[in-house]
Amino acid sequence: MEFKGTVTHHIDKSGISKKGEPFVAWQIRLEEEFVQYPMSLLVDFFGDKVTAPPVGSMATVYYNPRADVAPDGKIWGKNNGWKIVLDGAVAQAPVQNKAATPQAATSVQGSTDEGQDLPF
């Protein structure tokens, strides 16, 4: 799956394993931009094969959702990330499609609706 948004948080989860070996793990939170009801996503990364994007950057994250069940019946979910593509463009407001406006639609057709007796 993929999710595109702005990186709002970076959480380092690196540490030392029970065997005494160091490991690299981190999470990022992304939030959609320029939508009425923005959705957000928390993605886990393990290892140093993927570089963390800076907070505030636009990125597309590719991930696999996963739900695990413990022997005692406890259920939890994770989003395991495996690829990040940074968007080089600066975040901008969406451009309104001019063809969607009534004036543009009537000029394309070559006539206007004024003076016509339409039922709507």
N, C-alpha and C. Protein backbone atom coordinates (compact mmCIF):
# COMPACT_ATOMS: atom_id res chain seq x y z
N MET A 1 0.84 -1.16 0.00
CA MET A 1 0.00 0.00 0.00
C MET A 1 0.90 1.23 0.00
N GLU A 2 0.29 2.37 -0.33
CA GLU A 2 1.06 3.60 -0.31
C GLU A 2 0.23 4.73 0.30
N PHE A 3 0.94 5.72 0.85
CA PHE A 3 0.31 6.86 1.49
C PHE A 3 1.19 8.07 1.22
N LYS A 4 0.58 9.16 0.76
CA LYS A 4 1.33 10.37 0.46
C LYS A 4 0.92 11.46 1.43
N GLY A 5 1.90 12.12 2.02
CA GLY A 5 1.60 13.18 2.97
C GLY A 5 2.85 13.89 3.43
N THR A 6 2.66 14.77 4.40
CA THR A 6 3.76 15.53 4.99
C THR A 6 4.21 14.83 6.26
N VAL A 7 5.52 14.70 6.43
CA VAL A 7 6.09 14.09 7.62
C VAL A 7 5.94 15.08 8.77
N THR A 8 5.19 14.68 9.81
CA THR A 8 4.96 15.57 10.95
C THR A 8 5.78 15.19 12.18
N HIS A 9 6.15 13.92 12.29
CA HIS A 9 6.93 13.45 13.44
C HIS A 9 7.92 12.37 13.02
N HIS A 10 9.06 12.35 13.71
CA HIS A 10 10.04 11.28 13.56
C HIS A 10 10.38 10.78 14.96
N ILE A 11 10.17 9.50 15.21
CA ILE A 11 10.38 8.92 16.53
C ILE A 11 11.45 7.84 16.42
N ASP A 12 12.58 8.04 17.11
CA ASP A 12 13.67 7.06 17.09
C ASP A 12 13.36 5.97 18.10
N LYS A 13 13.39 4.72 17.67
CA LYS A 13 13.12 3.56 18.53
C LYS A 13 14.34 2.65 18.61
N SER A 14 15.51 3.14 18.20
CA SER A 14 16.73 2.34 18.21
C SER A 14 17.13 1.99 19.64
N GLY A 15 17.93 0.92 19.77
CA GLY A 15 18.36 0.52 21.10
C GLY A 15 19.28 -0.68 21.06
N ILE A 16 19.30 -1.39 22.16
CA ILE A 16 20.12 -2.58 22.31
C ILE A 16 19.19 -3.77 22.52
N SER A 17 19.40 -4.83 21.75
CA SER A 17 18.55 -6.02 21.87
C SER A 17 18.88 -6.80 23.14
N LYS A 18 18.06 -7.81 23.44
CA LYS A 18 18.30 -8.65 24.61
C LYS A 18 19.63 -9.40 24.50
N LYS A 19 20.09 -9.61 23.27
CA LYS A 19 21.37 -10.28 23.05
C LYS A 19 22.55 -9.31 23.18
N GLY A 20 22.23 -8.02 23.38
CA GLY A 20 23.29 -7.03 23.53
C GLY A 20 23.74 -6.41 22.22
N GLU A 21 23.01 -6.65 21.15
CA GLU A 21 23.38 -6.11 19.85
C GLU A 21 22.54 -4.86 19.55
N PRO A 22 23.17 -3.83 18.98
CA PRO A 22 22.41 -2.61 18.65
C PRO A 22 21.50 -2.85 17.44
N PHE A 23 20.35 -2.16 17.44
CA PHE A 23 19.45 -2.23 16.30
C PHE A 23 18.93 -0.82 15.99
N VAL A 24 18.50 -0.65 14.74
CA VAL A 24 17.97 0.63 14.29
C VAL A 24 16.49 0.45 13.99
N ALA A 25 15.67 1.27 14.62
CA ALA A 25 14.24 1.25 14.37
C ALA A 25 13.71 2.66 14.57
N TRP A 26 12.72 3.05 13.77
CA TRP A 26 12.13 4.38 13.90
C TRP A 26 10.74 4.40 13.31
N GLN A 27 9.98 5.42 13.66
CA GLN A 27 8.63 5.61 13.16
C GLN A 27 8.51 7.02 12.59
N ILE A 28 7.66 7.16 11.59
CA ILE A 28 7.30 8.50 11.13
C ILE A 28 5.78 8.58 11.05
N ARG A 29 5.28 9.78 11.28
CA ARG A 29 3.86 10.06 11.14
C ARG A 29 3.70 10.98 9.95
N LEU A 30 2.80 10.61 9.05
CA LEU A 30 2.50 11.43 7.88
C LEU A 30 1.05 11.89 7.97
N GLU A 31 0.78 13.05 7.39
CA GLU A 31 -0.58 13.57 7.35
C GLU A 31 -0.85 14.10 5.95
N GLU A 32 -2.03 13.77 5.44
CA GLU A 32 -2.43 14.25 4.12
C GLU A 32 -2.54 15.77 4.13
N GLU A 33 -2.32 16.37 2.97
CA GLU A 33 -2.43 17.81 2.82
C GLU A 33 -3.55 18.14 1.85
N PHE A 34 -4.14 19.30 2.04
CA PHE A 34 -5.09 19.89 1.09
C PHE A 34 -6.33 19.04 0.85
N VAL A 35 -6.80 18.38 1.89
CA VAL A 35 -8.06 17.65 1.81
C VAL A 35 -8.93 18.13 2.97
N GLN A 36 -10.23 17.98 2.82
CA GLN A 36 -11.15 18.48 3.84
C GLN A 36 -10.96 17.76 5.17
N TYR A 37 -10.83 16.45 5.13
CA TYR A 37 -10.65 15.65 6.34
C TYR A 37 -9.34 14.87 6.21
N PRO A 38 -8.21 15.48 6.60
CA PRO A 38 -6.92 14.81 6.40
C PRO A 38 -6.77 13.57 7.27
N MET A 39 -6.24 12.53 6.65
CA MET A 39 -5.95 11.29 7.36
C MET A 39 -4.46 11.29 7.71
N SER A 40 -4.11 10.52 8.73
CA SER A 40 -2.71 10.42 9.12
C SER A 40 -2.35 8.94 9.24
N LEU A 41 -1.05 8.67 9.22
CA LEU A 41 -0.56 7.30 9.26
C LEU A 41 0.75 7.26 10.04
N LEU A 42 0.89 6.27 10.91
CA LEU A 42 2.13 6.02 11.63
C LEU A 42 2.76 4.77 11.03
N VAL A 43 4.00 4.88 10.57
CA VAL A 43 4.67 3.78 9.88
C VAL A 43 5.95 3.42 10.63
N ASP A 44 6.18 2.11 10.83
CA ASP A 44 7.37 1.60 11.49
C ASP A 44 8.41 1.19 10.44
N PHE A 45 9.68 1.50 10.73
CA PHE A 45 10.80 1.06 9.89
C PHE A 45 11.81 0.38 10.78
N PHE A 46 12.41 -0.70 10.28
CA PHE A 46 13.40 -1.45 11.03
C PHE A 46 14.63 -1.63 10.15
N GLY A 47 15.78 -1.33 10.69
CA GLY A 47 17.02 -1.44 9.93
C GLY A 47 17.42 -0.11 9.35
N ASP A 48 18.60 -0.10 8.73
CA ASP A 48 19.12 1.16 8.20
C ASP A 48 19.14 1.20 6.66
N LYS A 49 18.32 0.37 6.01
CA LYS A 49 18.28 0.36 4.56
C LYS A 49 17.48 1.52 3.99
N VAL A 50 16.56 2.10 4.80
CA VAL A 50 15.74 3.22 4.37
C VAL A 50 16.12 4.43 5.21
N THR A 51 16.35 5.57 4.56
CA THR A 51 16.71 6.79 5.25
C THR A 51 15.46 7.56 5.64
N ALA A 52 15.44 8.05 6.86
CA ALA A 52 14.28 8.81 7.35
C ALA A 52 14.21 10.17 6.68
N PRO A 53 13.03 10.56 6.19
CA PRO A 53 12.89 11.90 5.59
C PRO A 53 12.82 12.96 6.69
N PRO A 54 13.22 14.20 6.38
CA PRO A 54 13.15 15.25 7.39
C PRO A 54 11.71 15.64 7.70
N VAL A 55 11.46 16.07 8.93
CA VAL A 55 10.13 16.53 9.32
C VAL A 55 9.78 17.75 8.47
N GLY A 56 8.56 17.77 7.96
CA GLY A 56 8.09 18.87 7.11
C GLY A 56 8.17 18.57 5.63
N SER A 57 8.82 17.47 5.25
CA SER A 57 8.93 17.13 3.83
C SER A 57 7.72 16.34 3.36
N MET A 58 7.42 16.46 2.06
CA MET A 58 6.36 15.67 1.44
C MET A 58 6.98 14.35 0.99
N ALA A 59 6.29 13.24 1.27
CA ALA A 59 6.83 11.93 0.93
C ALA A 59 5.70 10.97 0.62
N THR A 60 6.04 9.97 -0.18
CA THR A 60 5.15 8.83 -0.41
C THR A 60 5.78 7.64 0.27
N VAL A 61 5.03 7.01 1.17
CA VAL A 61 5.52 5.86 1.93
C VAL A 61 4.82 4.61 1.43
N TYR A 62 5.58 3.58 1.18
CA TYR A 62 5.05 2.28 0.80
C TYR A 62 5.16 1.37 2.03
N TYR A 63 4.07 0.70 2.37
CA TYR A 63 4.04 -0.06 3.60
C TYR A 63 3.13 -1.27 3.47
N ASN A 64 3.27 -2.19 4.42
CA ASN A 64 2.41 -3.37 4.52
C ASN A 64 1.70 -3.32 5.88
N PRO A 65 0.37 -3.29 5.89
CA PRO A 65 -0.34 -3.34 7.17
C PRO A 65 -0.30 -4.76 7.73
N ARG A 66 -0.25 -4.85 9.05
CA ARG A 66 -0.16 -6.16 9.68
C ARG A 66 -0.91 -6.15 11.00
N ALA A 67 -1.63 -7.20 11.29
CA ALA A 67 -2.31 -7.38 12.57
C ALA A 67 -1.83 -8.68 13.18
N ASP A 68 -1.39 -8.61 14.42
CA ASP A 68 -0.87 -9.79 15.12
C ASP A 68 -1.76 -10.14 16.30
N VAL A 69 -1.80 -11.44 16.63
CA VAL A 69 -2.56 -11.93 17.77
C VAL A 69 -1.60 -12.70 18.67
N ALA A 70 -1.54 -12.29 19.94
CA ALA A 70 -0.70 -12.97 20.92
C ALA A 70 -1.43 -14.22 21.42
N PRO A 71 -0.70 -15.17 22.02
CA PRO A 71 -1.34 -16.38 22.55
C PRO A 71 -2.43 -16.09 23.59
N ASP A 72 -2.30 -14.95 24.29
CA ASP A 72 -3.32 -14.62 25.29
C ASP A 72 -4.53 -13.92 24.68
N GLY A 73 -4.55 -13.73 23.35
CA GLY A 73 -5.68 -13.14 22.66
C GLY A 73 -5.56 -11.65 22.39
N LYS A 74 -4.51 -11.03 22.87
CA LYS A 74 -4.29 -9.60 22.63
C LYS A 74 -4.00 -9.37 21.14
N ILE A 75 -4.64 -8.34 20.56
CA ILE A 75 -4.48 -8.03 19.14
C ILE A 75 -3.88 -6.64 19.00
N TRP A 76 -2.94 -6.48 18.09
CA TRP A 76 -2.39 -5.16 17.80
C TRP A 76 -2.04 -5.08 16.32
N GLY A 77 -1.92 -3.88 15.83
CA GLY A 77 -1.62 -3.67 14.42
C GLY A 77 -0.38 -2.83 14.22
N LYS A 78 0.26 -3.01 13.08
CA LYS A 78 1.45 -2.26 12.71
C LYS A 78 1.40 -1.97 11.22
N ASN A 79 2.06 -0.91 10.83
CA ASN A 79 2.27 -0.59 9.42
C ASN A 79 3.78 -0.64 9.18
N ASN A 80 4.24 -1.70 8.54
CA ASN A 80 5.67 -1.88 8.30
C ASN A 80 6.07 -1.24 6.98
N GLY A 81 6.86 -0.16 7.07
CA GLY A 81 7.31 0.54 5.87
C GLY A 81 8.47 -0.16 5.22
N TRP A 82 8.54 -0.06 3.89
CA TRP A 82 9.65 -0.68 3.17
C TRP A 82 10.25 0.24 2.11
N LYS A 83 9.61 1.40 1.84
CA LYS A 83 10.17 2.32 0.85
C LYS A 83 9.61 3.72 1.09
N ILE A 84 10.46 4.73 0.90
CA ILE A 84 10.04 6.14 0.99
C ILE A 84 10.54 6.86 -0.25
N VAL A 85 9.64 7.60 -0.89
CA VAL A 85 10.01 8.43 -2.04
C VAL A 85 9.71 9.87 -1.66
N LEU A 86 10.74 10.71 -1.62
CA LEU A 86 10.55 12.12 -1.30
C LEU A 86 10.01 12.87 -2.51
N ASP A 87 9.06 13.76 -2.27
CA ASP A 87 8.50 14.60 -3.31
C ASP A 87 9.35 15.86 -3.35
N GLY A 88 10.01 16.12 -4.45
CA GLY A 88 10.89 17.28 -4.56
C GLY A 88 10.18 18.60 -4.63
N ALA A 89 8.89 18.59 -4.94
CA ALA A 89 8.14 19.84 -5.06
C ALA A 89 7.80 20.40 -3.69
N VAL A 90 7.70 21.71 -3.63
CA VAL A 90 7.29 22.39 -2.41
C VAL A 90 5.78 22.25 -2.29
N ALA A 91 5.29 22.03 -1.09
CA ALA A 91 3.85 21.88 -0.87
C ALA A 91 3.11 23.15 -1.29
N GLN A 92 2.10 23.00 -2.13
CA GLN A 92 1.32 24.13 -2.63
C GLN A 92 -0.15 23.81 -2.51
N ALA A 93 -0.96 24.87 -2.52
CA ALA A 93 -2.41 24.67 -2.51
C ALA A 93 -2.83 24.08 -3.85
N PRO A 94 -3.87 23.24 -3.87
CA PRO A 94 -4.31 22.65 -5.13
C PRO A 94 -4.86 23.72 -6.06
N VAL A 95 -4.64 23.52 -7.35
CA VAL A 95 -5.12 24.45 -8.37
C VAL A 95 -6.51 24.01 -8.80
N GLN A 96 -7.44 24.97 -8.83
CA GLN A 96 -8.80 24.64 -9.23
C GLN A 96 -8.84 24.39 -10.73
N ASN A 97 -9.53 23.36 -11.12
CA ASN A 97 -9.68 23.02 -12.53
C ASN A 97 -10.64 24.00 -13.18
N LYS A 98 -10.17 24.78 -14.15
CA LYS A 98 -11.00 25.80 -14.77
C LYS A 98 -12.15 25.19 -15.58
N ALA A 99 -11.98 23.98 -16.07
CA ALA A 99 -13.06 23.35 -16.83
C ALA A 99 -14.24 22.99 -15.94
N ALA A 100 -14.02 22.95 -14.64
CA ALA A 100 -15.10 22.60 -13.72
C ALA A 100 -15.99 23.79 -13.39
N THR A 101 -15.55 25.01 -13.73
CA THR A 101 -16.38 26.17 -13.44
C THR A 101 -17.46 26.31 -14.50
N PRO A 102 -18.65 26.84 -14.15
CA PRO A 102 -19.74 26.96 -15.12
C PRO A 102 -19.39 27.85 -16.32
N GLN A 103 -18.66 28.93 -16.11
CA GLN A 103 -18.31 29.82 -17.21
C GLN A 103 -17.42 29.12 -18.23
N ALA A 104 -16.45 28.38 -17.75
CA ALA A 104 -15.56 27.69 -18.66
C ALA A 104 -16.31 26.60 -19.43
N ALA A 105 -17.22 25.93 -18.78
CA ALA A 105 -17.97 24.87 -19.45
C ALA A 105 -18.86 25.44 -20.54
N THR A 106 -19.46 26.60 -20.33
CA THR A 106 -20.32 27.17 -21.36
C THR A 106 -19.50 27.73 -22.51
N SER A 107 -18.32 28.27 -22.25
CA SER A 107 -17.51 28.80 -23.33
C SER A 107 -16.97 27.68 -24.20
N VAL A 108 -16.73 26.51 -23.63
CA VAL A 108 -16.25 25.37 -24.40
C VAL A 108 -17.35 24.88 -25.35
N GLN A 109 -18.59 24.93 -24.88
CA GLN A 109 -19.70 24.46 -25.70
C GLN A 109 -20.08 25.47 -26.78
N GLY A 110 -19.67 26.71 -26.64
CA GLY A 110 -19.96 27.70 -27.66
C GLY A 110 -21.29 28.41 -27.46
N SER A 111 -22.03 28.10 -26.42
CA SER A 111 -23.28 28.78 -26.14
C SER A 111 -23.42 28.93 -24.64
N THR A 112 -24.31 29.81 -24.24
CA THR A 112 -24.55 29.98 -22.82
C THR A 112 -25.94 29.50 -22.49
N ASP A 113 -26.17 29.26 -21.21
CA ASP A 113 -27.46 28.78 -20.77
C ASP A 113 -28.44 29.94 -20.49
N GLU A 114 -27.97 31.17 -20.61
CA GLU A 114 -28.84 32.31 -20.34
C GLU A 114 -29.92 32.39 -21.40
N GLY A 115 -31.12 32.66 -20.98
CA GLY A 115 -32.24 32.80 -21.91
C GLY A 115 -32.91 31.51 -22.26
N GLN A 116 -32.37 30.38 -21.85
CA GLN A 116 -33.01 29.10 -22.14
C GLN A 116 -33.89 28.72 -20.97
N ASP A 117 -35.03 28.13 -21.27
CA ASP A 117 -35.95 27.71 -20.23
C ASP A 117 -35.65 26.25 -19.87
N LEU A 118 -34.76 26.07 -18.88
CA LEU A 118 -34.36 24.74 -18.46
C LEU A 118 -35.10 24.36 -17.19
N PRO A 119 -35.43 23.09 -17.01
CA PRO A 119 -36.17 22.67 -15.83
C PRO A 119 -35.33 22.63 -14.55
N PHE A 120 -34.05 22.90 -14.63
CA PHE A 120 -33.22 22.85 -13.43
C PHE A 120 -32.47 24.12 -13.21
